[in-house]
Amino acid sequence: MASRDLIVFSALNGALAVALGAFAAHGAGLQVKTLLTTGAHYQLAHAVFGLACALWTGGGRLARLAGWLGAAGGLVFSLALAFIALLSLPAMGAVAPVGGVLMIAGWLCVAFAALQGRSS
């Protein structure tokens, strides 16, 4: 069963990633562009990841958890880089790894969900 909330979150996350990427491509200086582009890439990839997890009918609750972890992690990571780039908040460099850990946890949950489905 698809998770409507996760689909909506992932879709809005993807839209924000495209907007940040477009700003990076058309309105940012080199250093800002690099940070925004990196963040947008991870955010967009993990928005798609969240969408895939939401639609994975055989993954169960673990797949939905994976989707939330991955999509939220992509958002946290991307926003941390955006805050560094746009607002000159270097302290957000301590927040970016939190997003990375969430994304990694999401991928690990997908692996566990796949193994769990295989054994049943």
C-alpha atoms as a PDB file:
ATOM      1  CA  MET A   1       0.000   0.000   0.000  1.00  0.00           C
ATOM      2  CA  ALA A   2       1.413   3.370  -1.045  1.00  0.00           C
ATOM      3  CA  SER A   3       2.149   5.961   1.622  1.00  0.00           C
ATOM      4  CA  ARG A   4       0.385   9.154   0.541  1.00  0.00           C
ATOM      5  CA  ASP A   5       2.222  11.373   3.048  1.00  0.00           C
ATOM      6  CA  LEU A   6       5.604  10.075   1.913  1.00  0.00           C
ATOM      7  CA  ILE A   7       4.637  10.602  -1.740  1.00  0.00           C
ATOM      8  CA  VAL A   8       3.629  14.218  -1.044  1.00  0.00           C
ATOM      9  CA  PHE A   9       6.783  14.870   1.007  1.00  0.00           C
ATOM     10  CA  SER A  10       8.992  13.353  -1.696  1.00  0.00           C
ATOM     11  CA  ALA A  11       7.267  15.322  -4.449  1.00  0.00           C
ATOM     12  CA  LEU A  12       7.678  18.638  -2.617  1.00  0.00           C
ATOM     13  CA  ASN A  13      11.256  17.675  -1.756  1.00  0.00           C
ATOM     14  CA  GLY A  14      11.941  17.031  -5.444  1.00  0.00           C
ATOM     15  CA  ALA A  15      10.415  20.361  -6.447  1.00  0.00           C
ATOM     16  CA  LEU A  16      12.622  22.194  -3.946  1.00  0.00           C
ATOM     17  CA  ALA A  17      15.683  20.325  -5.221  1.00  0.00           C
ATOM     18  CA  VAL A  18      14.943  21.441  -8.786  1.00  0.00           C
ATOM     19  CA  ALA A  19      14.440  25.041  -7.628  1.00  0.00           C
ATOM     20  CA  LEU A  20      17.745  25.044  -5.718  1.00  0.00           C
ATOM     21  CA  GLY A  21      19.514  23.455  -8.665  1.00  0.00           C
ATOM     22  CA  ALA A  22      18.076  26.022 -11.052  1.00  0.00           C
ATOM     23  CA  PHE A  23      19.164  28.870  -8.809  1.00  0.00           C
ATOM     24  CA  ALA A  24      22.627  27.328  -8.612  1.00  0.00           C
ATOM     25  CA  ALA A  25      22.809  27.119 -12.394  1.00  0.00           C
ATOM     26  CA  HIS A  26      21.511  30.596 -13.156  1.00  0.00           C
ATOM     27  CA  GLY A  27      22.004  32.943 -10.237  1.00  0.00           C
ATOM     28  CA  ALA A  28      24.836  31.912  -7.976  1.00  0.00           C
ATOM     29  CA  GLY A  29      28.546  32.545  -7.719  1.00  0.00           C
ATOM     30  CA  LEU A  30      30.975  29.657  -8.088  1.00  0.00           C
ATOM     31  CA  GLN A  31      31.308  28.655  -4.418  1.00  0.00           C
ATOM     32  CA  VAL A  32      27.562  29.004  -3.810  1.00  0.00           C
ATOM     33  CA  LYS A  33      26.860  27.135  -7.042  1.00  0.00           C
ATOM     34  CA  THR A  34      29.007  24.188  -5.977  1.00  0.00           C
ATOM     35  CA  LEU A  35      27.322  23.823  -2.586  1.00  0.00           C
ATOM     36  CA  LEU A  36      23.792  24.243  -3.954  1.00  0.00           C
ATOM     37  CA  THR A  37      24.413  21.840  -6.831  1.00  0.00           C
ATOM     38  CA  THR A  38      25.801  19.161  -4.524  1.00  0.00           C
ATOM     39  CA  GLY A  39      22.879  19.551  -2.138  1.00  0.00           C
ATOM     40  CA  ALA A  40      20.317  19.558  -4.943  1.00  0.00           C
ATOM     41  CA  HIS A  41      21.748  16.364  -6.441  1.00  0.00           C
ATOM     42  CA  TYR A  42      21.504  14.471  -3.164  1.00  0.00           C
ATOM     43  CA  GLN A  43      18.101  15.941  -2.375  1.00  0.00           C
ATOM     44  CA  LEU A  44      16.625  15.051  -5.759  1.00  0.00           C
ATOM     45  CA  ALA A  45      18.062  11.529  -5.713  1.00  0.00           C
ATOM     46  CA  HIS A  46      16.602  10.925  -2.269  1.00  0.00           C
ATOM     47  CA  ALA A  47      13.243  12.461  -3.177  1.00  0.00           C
ATOM     48  CA  VAL A  48      13.027   9.802  -5.896  1.00  0.00           C
ATOM     49  CA  PHE A  49      14.246   7.240  -3.361  1.00  0.00           C
ATOM     50  CA  GLY A  50      11.413   8.258  -1.000  1.00  0.00           C
ATOM     51  CA  LEU A  51       8.888   8.017  -3.809  1.00  0.00           C
ATOM     52  CA  ALA A  52      10.121   4.554  -4.778  1.00  0.00           C
ATOM     53  CA  CYS A  53       9.918   3.374  -1.178  1.00  0.00           C
ATOM     54  CA  ALA A  54       6.397   4.785  -0.844  1.00  0.00           C
ATOM     55  CA  LEU A  55       5.283   2.840  -3.906  1.00  0.00           C
ATOM     56  CA  TRP A  56       7.103  -0.416  -3.081  1.00  0.00           C
ATOM     57  CA  THR A  57       4.151  -2.597  -2.194  1.00  0.00           C
ATOM     58  CA  GLY A  58       6.243  -5.533  -0.964  1.00  0.00           C
ATOM     59  CA  GLY A  59       8.530  -3.525   1.298  1.00  0.00           C
ATOM     60  CA  GLY A  60       6.129  -2.992   4.162  1.00  0.00           C
ATOM     61  CA  ARG A  61       6.738  -0.631   7.067  1.00  0.00           C
ATOM     62  CA  LEU A  62      10.500  -0.964   6.803  1.00  0.00           C
ATOM     63  CA  ALA A  63      10.450   0.332   3.221  1.00  0.00           C
ATOM     64  CA  ARG A  64       8.312   3.298   4.250  1.00  0.00           C
ATOM     65  CA  LEU A  65      10.717   4.019   7.105  1.00  0.00           C
ATOM     66  CA  ALA A  66      13.561   3.835   4.589  1.00  0.00           C
ATOM     67  CA  GLY A  67      11.781   6.336   2.359  1.00  0.00           C
ATOM     68  CA  TRP A  68      11.264   8.784   5.201  1.00  0.00           C
ATOM     69  CA  LEU A  69      14.861   8.452   6.355  1.00  0.00           C
ATOM     70  CA  GLY A  70      16.266   8.908   2.858  1.00  0.00           C
ATOM     71  CA  ALA A  71      14.010  11.779   1.809  1.00  0.00           C
ATOM     72  CA  ALA A  72      14.400  13.610   5.114  1.00  0.00           C
ATOM     73  CA  GLY A  73      18.149  13.027   5.033  1.00  0.00           C
ATOM     74  CA  GLY A  74      18.388  14.485   1.542  1.00  0.00           C
ATOM     75  CA  LEU A  75      16.445  17.537   2.668  1.00  0.00           C
ATOM     76  CA  VAL A  76      18.529  18.056   5.815  1.00  0.00           C
ATOM     77  CA  PHE A  77      21.774  17.678   3.861  1.00  0.00           C
ATOM     78  CA  SER A  78      20.669  20.002   1.073  1.00  0.00           C
ATOM     79  CA  LEU A  79      19.326  22.687   3.400  1.00  0.00           C
ATOM     80  CA  ALA A  80      22.483  22.585   5.512  1.00  0.00           C
ATOM     81  CA  LEU A  81      24.568  23.253   2.401  1.00  0.00           C
ATOM     82  CA  ALA A  82      22.134  25.959   1.264  1.00  0.00           C
ATOM     83  CA  PHE A  83      22.357  27.707   4.640  1.00  0.00           C
ATOM     84  CA  ILE A  84      26.152  27.607   4.427  1.00  0.00           C
ATOM     85  CA  ALA A  85      26.116  28.966   0.880  1.00  0.00           C
ATOM     86  CA  LEU A  86      23.322  31.522   1.025  1.00  0.00           C
ATOM     87  CA  LEU A  87      23.334  32.691   4.635  1.00  0.00           C
ATOM     88  CA  SER A  88      27.032  32.254   5.468  1.00  0.00           C
ATOM     89  CA  LEU A  89      26.256  29.933   8.354  1.00  0.00           C
ATOM     90  CA  PRO A  90      29.324  27.682   8.571  1.00  0.00           C
ATOM     91  CA  ALA A  91      27.950  26.083  11.749  1.00  0.00           C
ATOM     92  CA  MET A  92      25.491  24.235   9.495  1.00  0.00           C
ATOM     93  CA  GLY A  93      28.482  22.171   8.407  1.00  0.00           C
ATOM     94  CA  ALA A  94      27.841  20.204  11.592  1.00  0.00           C
ATOM     95  CA  VAL A  95      24.260  19.491  10.462  1.00  0.00           C
ATOM     96  CA  ALA A  96      25.082  18.179   6.976  1.00  0.00           C
ATOM     97  CA  PRO A  97      26.479  14.855   8.285  1.00  0.00           C
ATOM     98  CA  VAL A  98      23.184  14.242  10.097  1.00  0.00           C
ATOM     99  CA  GLY A  99      21.501  14.283   6.702  1.00  0.00           C
ATOM    100  CA  GLY A 100      24.146  11.910   5.378  1.00  0.00           C
ATOM    101  CA  VAL A 101      23.592   9.471   8.217  1.00  0.00           C
ATOM    102  CA  LEU A 102      19.833   9.548   7.601  1.00  0.00           C
ATOM    103  CA  MET A 103      20.358   8.818   3.897  1.00  0.00           C
ATOM    104  CA  ILE A 104      22.675   5.898   4.693  1.00  0.00           C
ATOM    105  CA  ALA A 105      20.178   4.559   7.223  1.00  0.00           C
ATOM    106  CA  GLY A 106      17.466   4.718   4.570  1.00  0.00           C
ATOM    107  CA  TRP A 107      19.519   2.634   2.155  1.00  0.00           C
ATOM    108  CA  LEU A 108      20.288   0.094   4.873  1.00  0.00           C
ATOM    109  CA  CYS A 109      16.585  -0.173   5.707  1.00  0.00           C
ATOM    110  CA  VAL A 110      15.861  -0.917   2.036  1.00  0.00           C
ATOM    111  CA  ALA A 111      18.434  -3.705   2.127  1.00  0.00           C
ATOM    112  CA  PHE A 112      16.874  -5.157   5.282  1.00  0.00           C
ATOM    113  CA  ALA A 113      13.362  -4.844   3.841  1.00  0.00           C
ATOM    114  CA  ALA A 114      14.466  -6.680   0.692  1.00  0.00           C
ATOM    115  CA  LEU A 115      16.096  -9.457   2.716  1.00  0.00           C
ATOM    116  CA  GLN A 116      13.062  -9.717   4.955  1.00  0.00           C
ATOM    117  CA  GLY A 117      10.733 -10.026   1.977  1.00  0.00           C
ATOM    118  CA  ARG A 118      12.966 -12.656   0.440  1.00  0.00           C
ATOM    119  CA  SER A 119      12.808 -14.938   3.474  1.00  0.00           C
ATOM    120  CA  SER A 120       9.028 -14.866   3.810  1.00  0.00           C
END
